[in-house]
C-alpha atoms as a PDB file:
ATOM      1  CA  MET A   1     113.294 134.819  12.741  1.00  0.00           C
ATOM      2  CA  THR A   2     109.767 133.428  12.608  1.00  0.00           C
ATOM      3  CA  ALA A   3     106.615 135.243  13.633  1.00  0.00           C
ATOM      4  CA  THR A   4     106.585 133.348  16.922  1.00  0.00           C
ATOM      5  CA  GLU A   5     110.133 134.312  17.873  1.00  0.00           C
ATOM      6  CA  TRP A   6     110.025 138.099  17.908  1.00  0.00           C
ATOM      7  CA  LEU A   7     109.235 138.261  21.637  1.00  0.00           C
ATOM      8  CA  SER A   8     112.538 138.521  23.490  1.00  0.00           C
ATOM      9  CA  PRO A   9     113.404 136.567  26.662  1.00  0.00           C
ATOM     10  CA  THR A  10     113.072 139.823  28.626  1.00  0.00           C
ATOM     11  CA  VAL A  11     109.513 140.357  27.388  1.00  0.00           C
ATOM     12  CA  ARG A  12     108.596 136.708  27.945  1.00  0.00           C
ATOM     13  CA  ALA A  13     109.888 136.877  31.519  1.00  0.00           C
ATOM     14  CA  ALA A  14     107.636 139.885  32.231  1.00  0.00           C
ATOM     15  CA  ALA A  15     104.507 138.125  30.957  1.00  0.00           C
ATOM     16  CA  THR A  16     101.560 137.064  33.111  1.00  0.00           C
ATOM     17  CA  GLU A  17      98.848 134.537  32.287  1.00  0.00           C
ATOM     18  CA  ARG A  18      95.104 134.668  32.761  1.00  0.00           C
ATOM     19  CA  VAL A  19      92.531 131.903  32.383  1.00  0.00           C
ATOM     20  CA  LEU A  20      89.141 132.848  30.898  1.00  0.00           C
ATOM     21  CA  ALA A  21      85.849 131.003  30.983  1.00  0.00           C
ATOM     22  CA  PRO A  22      83.695 130.917  27.809  1.00  0.00           C
ATOM     23  CA  GLY A  23      81.974 134.292  27.485  1.00  0.00           C
ATOM     24  CA  GLN A  24      84.295 136.036  29.956  1.00  0.00           C
ATOM     25  CA  THR A  25      85.598 139.458  28.936  1.00  0.00           C
ATOM     26  CA  LEU A  26      89.335 140.032  28.768  1.00  0.00           C
ATOM     27  CA  PHE A  27      88.994 143.789  28.273  1.00  0.00           C
ATOM     28  CA  HIS A  28      86.333 146.336  27.314  1.00  0.00           C
ATOM     29  CA  SER A  29      86.389 149.075  24.703  1.00  0.00           C
ATOM     30  CA  GLY A  30      87.529 152.283  26.358  1.00  0.00           C
ATOM     31  CA  SER A  31      89.418 150.603  29.196  1.00  0.00           C
ATOM     32  CA  LYS A  32      93.079 151.455  29.801  1.00  0.00           C
ATOM     33  CA  THR A  33      95.519 149.383  27.765  1.00  0.00           C
ATOM     34  CA  ALA A  34      97.882 147.023  29.541  1.00  0.00           C
ATOM     35  CA  GLY A  35      99.794 145.565  26.619  1.00  0.00           C
ATOM     36  CA  LEU A  36      99.709 142.931  23.933  1.00  0.00           C
ATOM     37  CA  TYR A  37      98.130 139.502  24.447  1.00  0.00           C
ATOM     38  CA  ARG A  38      98.971 136.113  22.985  1.00  0.00           C
ATOM     39  CA  VAL A  39      96.401 133.333  23.053  1.00  0.00           C
ATOM     40  CA  VAL A  40      97.946 130.250  24.656  1.00  0.00           C
ATOM     41  CA  SER A  41      94.869 128.038  24.251  1.00  0.00           C
ATOM     42  CA  GLY A  42      91.246 128.449  23.207  1.00  0.00           C
ATOM     43  CA  THR A  43      89.819 131.317  21.169  1.00  0.00           C
ATOM     44  CA  VAL A  44      89.147 134.977  21.901  1.00  0.00           C
ATOM     45  CA  ARG A  45      87.100 137.266  19.685  1.00  0.00           C
ATOM     46  CA  LEU A  46      87.502 140.999  19.246  1.00  0.00           C
ATOM     47  CA  ALA A  47      84.142 142.648  18.731  1.00  0.00           C
ATOM     48  CA  ARG A  48      82.171 145.862  18.802  1.00  0.00           C
ATOM     49  CA  THR A  49      78.469 146.128  19.611  1.00  0.00           C
ATOM     50  CA  ASP A  50      76.318 148.611  17.699  1.00  0.00           C
ATOM     51  CA  ARG A  51      73.414 150.646  19.059  1.00  0.00           C
ATOM     52  CA  SER A  52      70.937 147.897  18.217  1.00  0.00           C
ATOM     53  CA  GLY A  53      72.931 145.416  20.307  1.00  0.00           C
ATOM     54  CA  ARG A  54      74.280 143.510  17.306  1.00  0.00           C
ATOM     55  CA  GLU A  55      77.837 142.309  17.731  1.00  0.00           C
ATOM     56  CA  ALA A  56      80.297 142.751  14.877  1.00  0.00           C
ATOM     57  CA  VAL A  57      83.253 140.378  15.144  1.00  0.00           C
ATOM     58  CA  LEU A  58      86.466 142.101  14.065  1.00  0.00           C
ATOM     59  CA  HIS A  59      88.814 139.185  14.600  1.00  0.00           C
ATOM     60  CA  THR A  60      88.934 135.751  16.214  1.00  0.00           C
ATOM     61  CA  ALA A  61      92.298 134.847  17.732  1.00  0.00           C
ATOM     62  CA  SER A  62      93.221 131.229  18.412  1.00  0.00           C
ATOM     63  CA  ALA A  63      96.230 129.536  20.020  1.00  0.00           C
ATOM     64  CA  GLY A  64      99.464 131.202  18.919  1.00  0.00           C
ATOM     65  CA  ASP A  65      97.792 134.402  17.708  1.00  0.00           C
ATOM     66  CA  THR A  66      98.412 137.810  19.213  1.00  0.00           C
ATOM     67  CA  LEU A  67      95.734 140.394  19.808  1.00  0.00           C
ATOM     68  CA  ALA A  68      95.454 144.045  20.848  1.00  0.00           C
ATOM     69  CA  GLU A  69      98.598 145.017  18.948  1.00  0.00           C
ATOM     70  CA  ALA A  70      97.207 148.550  18.510  1.00  0.00           C
ATOM     71  CA  SER A  71      97.094 148.881  22.297  1.00  0.00           C
ATOM     72  CA  LEU A  72     100.851 149.420  22.235  1.00  0.00           C
ATOM     73  CA  PHE A  73     100.218 152.804  20.638  1.00  0.00           C
ATOM     74  CA  SER A  74      96.929 153.758  22.290  1.00  0.00           C
ATOM     75  CA  SER A  75      95.862 154.660  25.818  1.00  0.00           C
ATOM     76  CA  THR A  76      92.573 152.719  25.574  1.00  0.00           C
ATOM     77  CA  TYR A  77      91.300 149.580  23.843  1.00  0.00           C
ATOM     78  CA  HIS A  78      89.134 150.141  20.763  1.00  0.00           C
ATOM     79  CA  CYS A  79      86.940 147.037  21.096  1.00  0.00           C
ATOM     80  CA  ASP A  80      85.919 144.287  23.483  1.00  0.00           C
ATOM     81  CA  ALA A  81      87.837 141.009  23.815  1.00  0.00           C
ATOM     82  CA  ILE A  82      85.673 138.054  24.846  1.00  0.00           C
ATOM     83  CA  ALA A  83      86.605 134.402  25.273  1.00  0.00           C
ATOM     84  CA  THR A  84      84.686 132.354  22.710  1.00  0.00           C
ATOM     85  CA  THR A  85      85.830 129.141  24.394  1.00  0.00           C
ATOM     86  CA  ALA A  86      87.705 128.399  27.593  1.00  0.00           C
ATOM     87  CA  ALA A  87      90.994 130.178  26.997  1.00  0.00           C
ATOM     88  CA  THR A  88      94.354 131.020  28.468  1.00  0.00           C
ATOM     89  CA  VAL A  89      96.003 134.279  27.434  1.00  0.00           C
ATOM     90  CA  ARG A  90      99.417 135.720  28.166  1.00  0.00           C
ATOM     91  CA  LEU A  91      99.883 139.474  28.669  1.00  0.00           C
ATOM     92  CA  TYR A  92     103.118 141.134  27.586  1.00  0.00           C
ATOM     93  CA  PRO A  93     103.270 144.505  29.392  1.00  0.00           C
ATOM     94  CA  LYS A  94     103.319 147.516  27.104  1.00  0.00           C
ATOM     95  CA  ALA A  95     106.286 149.367  28.649  1.00  0.00           C
ATOM     96  CA  VAL A  96     108.583 146.325  28.611  1.00  0.00           C
ATOM     97  CA  LEU A  97     107.595 145.318  25.079  1.00  0.00           C
ATOM     98  CA  LEU A  98     108.021 148.786  23.584  1.00  0.00           C
ATOM     99  CA  ALA A  99     111.416 149.194  25.265  1.00  0.00           C
ATOM    100  CA  GLU A 100     112.603 145.895  23.754  1.00  0.00           C
ATOM    101  CA  LEU A 101     111.339 146.773  20.265  1.00  0.00           C
ATOM    102  CA  ARG A 102     113.176 150.104  20.427  1.00  0.00           C
ATOM    103  CA  ARG A 103     116.339 148.346  21.604  1.00  0.00           C
ATOM    104  CA  ASP A 104     116.348 145.514  19.050  1.00  0.00           C
ATOM    105  CA  PRO A 105     115.671 146.453  15.384  1.00  0.00           C
ATOM    106  CA  THR A 106     115.622 142.796  14.302  1.00  0.00           C
ATOM    107  CA  ARG A 107     112.761 142.016  16.675  1.00  0.00           C
ATOM    108  CA  ALA A 108     111.007 145.240  15.691  1.00  0.00           C
ATOM    109  CA  GLU A 109     111.231 144.184  12.035  1.00  0.00           C
ATOM    110  CA  ALA A 110     109.821 140.734  12.857  1.00  0.00           C
ATOM    111  CA  PHE A 111     106.945 142.382  14.728  1.00  0.00           C
ATOM    112  CA  ALA A 112     106.297 144.623  11.702  1.00  0.00           C
ATOM    113  CA  ALA A 113     106.185 141.509   9.494  1.00  0.00           C
ATOM    114  CA  THR A 114     103.594 139.978  11.833  1.00  0.00           C
ATOM    115  CA  LEU A 115     101.472 143.118  11.562  1.00  0.00           C
ATOM    116  CA  ALA A 116     101.799 143.095   7.764  1.00  0.00           C
ATOM    117  CA  GLN A 117     100.501 139.509   7.688  1.00  0.00           C
ATOM    118  CA  GLN A 118      97.540 140.576   9.816  1.00  0.00           C
ATOM    119  CA  VAL A 119      96.759 143.405   7.386  1.00  0.00           C
ATOM    120  CA  MET A 120      96.677 140.875   4.519  1.00  0.00           C
ATOM    121  CA  THR A 121      94.367 138.611   6.539  1.00  0.00           C
ATOM    122  CA  LEU A 122      92.073 141.556   7.286  1.00  0.00           C
ATOM    123  CA  ARG A 123      91.899 142.451   3.598  1.00  0.00           C
ATOM    124  CA  THR A 124      90.889 138.877   2.814  1.00  0.00           C
ATOM    125  CA  ARG A 125      88.101 139.074   5.418  1.00  0.00           C
ATOM    126  CA  LEU A 126      86.894 142.383   3.964  1.00  0.00           C
ATOM    127  CA  GLU A 127      86.875 140.838   0.495  1.00  0.00           C
ATOM    128  CA  ARG A 128      84.772 137.948   1.837  1.00  0.00           C
ATOM    129  CA  ARG A 129      82.314 140.296   3.580  1.00  0.00           C
ATOM    130  CA  ASN A 130      81.633 141.952   0.208  1.00  0.00           C
ATOM    131  CA  ILE A 131      80.427 138.659  -1.255  1.00  0.00           C
ATOM    132  CA  HIS A 132      76.613 138.711  -1.158  1.00  0.00           C
ATOM    133  CA  SER A 133      75.832 134.988  -1.429  1.00  0.00           C
ATOM    134  CA  ALA A 134      76.173 133.038   1.838  1.00  0.00           C
ATOM    135  CA  ARG A 135      77.268 129.978  -0.118  1.00  0.00           C
ATOM    136  CA  ASP A 136      79.958 131.931  -1.947  1.00  0.00           C
ATOM    137  CA  ARG A 137      81.186 133.399   1.350  1.00  0.00           C
ATOM    138  CA  VAL A 138      81.560 129.895   2.735  1.00  0.00           C
ATOM    139  CA  ARG A 139      83.331 128.793  -0.461  1.00  0.00           C
ATOM    140  CA  HIS A 140      85.730 131.724  -0.142  1.00  0.00           C
ATOM    141  CA  PHE A 141      86.456 130.853   3.504  1.00  0.00           C
ATOM    142  CA  LEU A 142      87.109 127.217   2.604  1.00  0.00           C
ATOM    143  CA  ALA A 143      89.376 128.098  -0.322  1.00  0.00           C
ATOM    144  CA  VAL A 144      91.495 130.460   1.787  1.00  0.00           C
ATOM    145  CA  ASN A 145      91.749 128.106   4.793  1.00  0.00           C
ATOM    146  CA  VAL A 146      92.146 124.683   3.180  1.00  0.00           C
ATOM    147  CA  GLY A 147      94.917 122.557   4.690  1.00  0.00           C
ATOM    148  CA  ALA A 148      97.977 120.977   3.115  1.00  0.00           C
ATOM    149  CA  ASP A 149      95.916 118.113   1.686  1.00  0.00           C
ATOM    150  CA  GLY A 150      93.974 120.589  -0.451  1.00  0.00           C
ATOM    151  CA  ARG A 151      90.656 119.319   0.910  1.00  0.00           C
ATOM    152  CA  THR A 152      90.378 119.670   4.692  1.00  0.00           C
ATOM    153  CA  VAL A 153      89.552 122.860   6.590  1.00  0.00           C
ATOM    154  CA  ASP A 154      89.963 122.611  10.358  1.00  0.00           C
ATOM    155  CA  LEU A 155      87.562 125.018  12.042  1.00  0.00           C
ATOM    156  CA  PRO A 156      89.240 127.177  14.714  1.00  0.00           C
ATOM    157  CA  GLY A 157      86.150 127.323  16.929  1.00  0.00           C
ATOM    158  CA  THR A 158      82.424 126.737  16.924  1.00  0.00           C
ATOM    159  CA  LEU A 159      80.111 127.120  13.937  1.00  0.00           C
ATOM    160  CA  LYS A 160      78.452 130.010  15.760  1.00  0.00           C
ATOM    161  CA  ALA A 161      81.824 131.771  15.967  1.00  0.00           C
ATOM    162  CA  LEU A 162      82.464 131.039  12.285  1.00  0.00           C
ATOM    163  CA  ALA A 163      79.076 132.508  11.381  1.00  0.00           C
ATOM    164  CA  ALA A 164      79.943 135.721  13.211  1.00  0.00           C
ATOM    165  CA  ASP A 165      83.306 135.836  11.464  1.00  0.00           C
ATOM    166  CA  LEU A 166      81.607 135.414   8.084  1.00  0.00           C
ATOM    167  CA  GLY A 167      79.004 138.072   8.874  1.00  0.00           C
ATOM    168  CA  LEU A 168      76.162 135.539   8.744  1.00  0.00           C
ATOM    169  CA  THR A 169      73.571 134.474  11.283  1.00  0.00           C
ATOM    170  CA  HIS A 170      74.325 131.027  12.626  1.00  0.00           C
ATOM    171  CA  GLU A 171      71.020 129.802  11.158  1.00  0.00           C
ATOM    172  CA  ALA A 172      72.070 131.000   7.690  1.00  0.00           C
ATOM    173  CA  LEU A 173      75.429 129.257   8.038  1.00  0.00           C
ATOM    174  CA  TYR A 174      73.842 125.974   9.204  1.00  0.00           C
ATOM    175  CA  ARG A 175      71.409 126.046   6.252  1.00  0.00           C
ATOM    176  CA  THR A 176      74.196 126.826   3.796  1.00  0.00           C
ATOM    177  CA  LEU A 177      76.430 124.024   5.074  1.00  0.00           C
ATOM    178  CA  ALA A 178      73.502 121.588   5.001  1.00  0.00           C
ATOM    179  CA  ARG A 179      72.721 122.473   1.364  1.00  0.00           C
ATOM    180  CA  MET A 180      76.391 122.189   0.381  1.00  0.00           C
ATOM    181  CA  ALA A 181      76.611 118.776   2.062  1.00  0.00           C
ATOM    182  CA  ALA A 182      73.370 117.613   0.406  1.00  0.00           C
ATOM    183  CA  ASP A 183      74.760 118.683  -2.985  1.00  0.00           C
ATOM    184  CA  GLY A 184      77.956 116.708  -2.347  1.00  0.00           C
ATOM    185  CA  GLU A 185      80.122 119.810  -2.323  1.00  0.00           C
ATOM    186  CA  ILE A 186      81.392 119.293   1.227  1.00  0.00           C
ATOM    187  CA  LYS A 187      81.373 116.707   3.976  1.00  0.00           C
ATOM    188  CA  ARG A 188      81.289 117.535   7.703  1.00  0.00           C
ATOM    189  CA  ARG A 189      83.772 115.590   9.818  1.00  0.00           C
ATOM    190  CA  GLY A 190      83.886 116.564  13.487  1.00  0.00           C
ATOM    191  CA  SER A 191      85.422 120.016  13.748  1.00  0.00           C
ATOM    192  CA  ALA A 192      86.533 119.923  10.112  1.00  0.00           C
ATOM    193  CA  ILE A 193      84.945 120.418   6.711  1.00  0.00           C
ATOM    194  CA  VAL A 194      86.155 118.307   3.809  1.00  0.00           C
ATOM    195  CA  VAL A 195      85.811 119.862   0.373  1.00  0.00           C
ATOM    196  CA  ARG A 196      84.581 117.209  -2.074  1.00  0.00           C
ATOM    197  CA  LYS A 197      84.244 119.355  -5.186  1.00  0.00           C
ATOM    198  CA  SER A 198      86.552 122.025  -6.550  1.00  0.00           C
ATOM    199  CA  ILE A 199      85.798 125.495  -5.247  1.00  0.00           C
END
């Protein structure tokens, strides 16, 4: 069973869809949980805002990704979910989903495997955030996300969203990418970055 197949027909039948405009909030921190979401199209970021008003991006979910998994075991959401782009999301109601996971151990195991993969991804992001050099952070991102050709990295969203994900200002990211391109290390191609030198 693949990570995309753990949702049973019963859970899928109970789902509802919602269309979000760029910048529209799906849910707020502290609001009552409704269930787990899957992004059908577009991107949605999970974020917290500190006292100074600075947003810290916890995760950016794109088409096929789930979000708010912890909501299944909590009465309130722990962060905000905001559409980074125009997006469509599908809500799987908490009560129906939990009942199915309790009923079907195979699906529960597949869900656990999905969560384990997310933990590994989070650890990679934490590792990247501990890299001080902006250029080395970008190199780390490219190395982890390079495609099957070993050279091309398709960006999941905007450069501004990538900057937030990397813990950089968008100005710092633009400067870093420009320097890397000038040095022949990378080449920008639409919504992709092509690595020209070994990372």
